[in-house]
Amino acid sequence: MRSDRLTCRLLATAGAAAILTMVGLSAACAREEAKAPEKTVTVTVTVTAPAPTEKAPRIGPGPNPFTPPVTPAPQMPPTHVPGQPGGH
């Protein structure tokens, strides 16, 4: 019985020491640091005329050959009820 009591006291002391250690470390790490002096930065921007862009090559008259084909969505008949299958 005395051994159980001693074990309980040792565990309580160890727990209290752990809590006090965490509080102490938190307080030590939470202090504010001295702020660094502000620095002034000067930026110089040089603007030049844009270079001409090249156009895509055309191969004969007609639409651009690099444009993908457009496929229209399937049309439902006017008598089709929305949400019902088989309207194609």
C-alpha atoms as a PDB file:
ATOM      1  CA  MET A   1       0.000   0.000   0.000  1.00  0.00           C
ATOM      2  CA  ARG A   2       2.831   2.345   0.878  1.00  0.00           C
ATOM      3  CA  SER A   3       4.500   1.512  -2.461  1.00  0.00           C
ATOM      4  CA  ASP A   4       1.349   2.534  -4.396  1.00  0.00           C
ATOM      5  CA  ARG A   5       1.216   5.832  -2.535  1.00  0.00           C
ATOM      6  CA  LEU A   6       4.876   6.550  -3.269  1.00  0.00           C
ATOM      7  CA  THR A   7       4.399   5.717  -6.943  1.00  0.00           C
ATOM      8  CA  CYS A   8       1.406   8.029  -7.145  1.00  0.00           C
ATOM      9  CA  ARG A   9       3.336  10.884  -5.545  1.00  0.00           C
ATOM     10  CA  LEU A  10       6.317  10.367  -7.857  1.00  0.00           C
ATOM     11  CA  LEU A  11       4.057  10.397 -10.924  1.00  0.00           C
ATOM     12  CA  ALA A  12       2.268  13.540  -9.708  1.00  0.00           C
ATOM     13  CA  THR A  13       5.604  15.267  -9.072  1.00  0.00           C
ATOM     14  CA  ALA A  14       6.910  14.263 -12.503  1.00  0.00           C
ATOM     15  CA  GLY A  15       3.715  15.541 -14.156  1.00  0.00           C
ATOM     16  CA  ALA A  16       3.869  18.849 -12.301  1.00  0.00           C
ATOM     17  CA  ALA A  17       7.537  19.246 -13.247  1.00  0.00           C
ATOM     18  CA  ALA A  18       6.707  18.571 -16.888  1.00  0.00           C
ATOM     19  CA  ILE A  19       3.914  21.172 -16.870  1.00  0.00           C
ATOM     20  CA  LEU A  20       6.155  23.772 -15.215  1.00  0.00           C
ATOM     21  CA  THR A  21       8.891  23.064 -17.750  1.00  0.00           C
ATOM     22  CA  MET A  22       6.488  23.546 -20.671  1.00  0.00           C
ATOM     23  CA  VAL A  23       5.170  26.811 -19.208  1.00  0.00           C
ATOM     24  CA  GLY A  24       8.712  28.066 -18.660  1.00  0.00           C
ATOM     25  CA  LEU A  25       9.813  27.199 -22.192  1.00  0.00           C
ATOM     26  CA  SER A  26       6.697  28.805 -23.666  1.00  0.00           C
ATOM     27  CA  ALA A  27       7.327  31.990 -21.714  1.00  0.00           C
ATOM     28  CA  ALA A  28      10.983  32.060 -22.738  1.00  0.00           C
ATOM     29  CA  CYS A  29      10.193  31.589 -26.436  1.00  0.00           C
ATOM     30  CA  ALA A  30       7.254  34.007 -26.503  1.00  0.00           C
ATOM     31  CA  ARG A  31       9.124  37.195 -25.667  1.00  0.00           C
ATOM     32  CA  GLU A  32       9.215  39.813 -28.410  1.00  0.00           C
ATOM     33  CA  GLU A  33      12.399  40.233 -30.342  1.00  0.00           C
ATOM     34  CA  ALA A  34      13.793  43.668 -31.094  1.00  0.00           C
ATOM     35  CA  LYS A  35      12.511  44.862 -34.443  1.00  0.00           C
ATOM     36  CA  ALA A  36      15.055  45.318 -37.176  1.00  0.00           C
ATOM     37  CA  PRO A  37      15.415  48.804 -38.627  1.00  0.00           C
ATOM     38  CA  GLU A  38      13.397  49.379 -41.764  1.00  0.00           C
ATOM     39  CA  LYS A  39      15.354  49.343 -44.986  1.00  0.00           C
ATOM     40  CA  THR A  40      14.665  51.607 -47.951  1.00  0.00           C
ATOM     41  CA  VAL A  41      14.818  49.950 -51.337  1.00  0.00           C
ATOM     42  CA  THR A  42      15.036  51.907 -54.600  1.00  0.00           C
ATOM     43  CA  VAL A  43      13.775  50.176 -57.726  1.00  0.00           C
ATOM     44  CA  THR A  44      14.584  51.419 -61.236  1.00  0.00           C
ATOM     45  CA  VAL A  45      12.304  50.299 -64.058  1.00  0.00           C
ATOM     46  CA  THR A  46      13.291  50.611 -67.708  1.00  0.00           C
ATOM     47  CA  VAL A  47      10.515  50.335 -70.291  1.00  0.00           C
ATOM     48  CA  THR A  48      11.328  49.407 -73.875  1.00  0.00           C
ATOM     49  CA  ALA A  49       9.112  49.058 -76.923  1.00  0.00           C
ATOM     50  CA  PRO A  50       7.637  45.562 -77.275  1.00  0.00           C
ATOM     51  CA  ALA A  51       9.042  43.306 -79.973  1.00  0.00           C
ATOM     52  CA  PRO A  52       6.683  42.408 -82.823  1.00  0.00           C
ATOM     53  CA  THR A  53       5.000  39.026 -82.436  1.00  0.00           C
ATOM     54  CA  GLU A  54       4.913  36.469 -85.168  1.00  0.00           C
ATOM     55  CA  LYS A  55       1.615  35.211 -86.498  1.00  0.00           C
ATOM     56  CA  ALA A  56       0.786  31.538 -86.973  1.00  0.00           C
ATOM     57  CA  PRO A  57       1.487  30.364 -90.532  1.00  0.00           C
ATOM     58  CA  ARG A  58      -1.505  30.036 -92.842  1.00  0.00           C
ATOM     59  CA  ILE A  59      -1.689  27.128 -95.225  1.00  0.00           C
ATOM     60  CA  GLY A  60      -3.992  28.389 -97.932  1.00  0.00           C
ATOM     61  CA  PRO A  61      -7.312  30.111 -97.431  1.00  0.00           C
ATOM     62  CA  GLY A  62      -9.759  28.920 -94.813  1.00  0.00           C
ATOM     63  CA  PRO A  63      -9.813  28.454 -91.067  1.00  0.00           C
ATOM     64  CA  ASN A  64      -6.694  28.226 -88.977  1.00  0.00           C
ATOM     65  CA  PRO A  65      -5.355  24.645 -89.269  1.00  0.00           C
ATOM     66  CA  PHE A  66      -4.311  24.683 -85.606  1.00  0.00           C
ATOM     67  CA  THR A  67      -7.850  25.244 -84.318  1.00  0.00           C
ATOM     68  CA  PRO A  68      -9.524  22.033 -83.044  1.00  0.00           C
ATOM     69  CA  PRO A  69     -12.826  21.045 -84.618  1.00  0.00           C
ATOM     70  CA  VAL A  70     -16.028  22.057 -82.847  1.00  0.00           C
ATOM     71  CA  THR A  71     -18.490  19.244 -82.119  1.00  0.00           C
ATOM     72  CA  PRO A  72     -22.015  20.397 -81.200  1.00  0.00           C
ATOM     73  CA  ALA A  73     -23.843  18.827 -78.264  1.00  0.00           C
ATOM     74  CA  PRO A  74     -26.432  16.151 -79.163  1.00  0.00           C
ATOM     75  CA  GLN A  75     -29.908  17.576 -79.667  1.00  0.00           C
ATOM     76  CA  MET A  76     -32.903  16.111 -77.839  1.00  0.00           C
ATOM     77  CA  PRO A  77     -36.228  15.787 -79.672  1.00  0.00           C
ATOM     78  CA  PRO A  78     -38.848  18.351 -78.615  1.00  0.00           C
ATOM     79  CA  THR A  79     -41.021  15.592 -77.088  1.00  0.00           C
ATOM     80  CA  HIS A  80     -38.260  14.336 -74.794  1.00  0.00           C
ATOM     81  CA  VAL A  81     -38.932  14.595 -71.052  1.00  0.00           C
ATOM     82  CA  PRO A  82     -35.856  15.824 -69.148  1.00  0.00           C
ATOM     83  CA  GLY A  83     -34.336  13.217 -66.852  1.00  0.00           C
ATOM     84  CA  GLN A  84     -35.722  10.264 -68.848  1.00  0.00           C
ATOM     85  CA  PRO A  85     -33.332   8.022 -70.809  1.00  0.00           C
ATOM     86  CA  GLY A  86     -33.593   7.307 -74.503  1.00  0.00           C
ATOM     87  CA  GLY A  87     -34.058  10.779 -75.832  1.00  0.00           C
ATOM     88  CA  HIS A  88     -31.508  10.432 -78.668  1.00  0.00           C
END
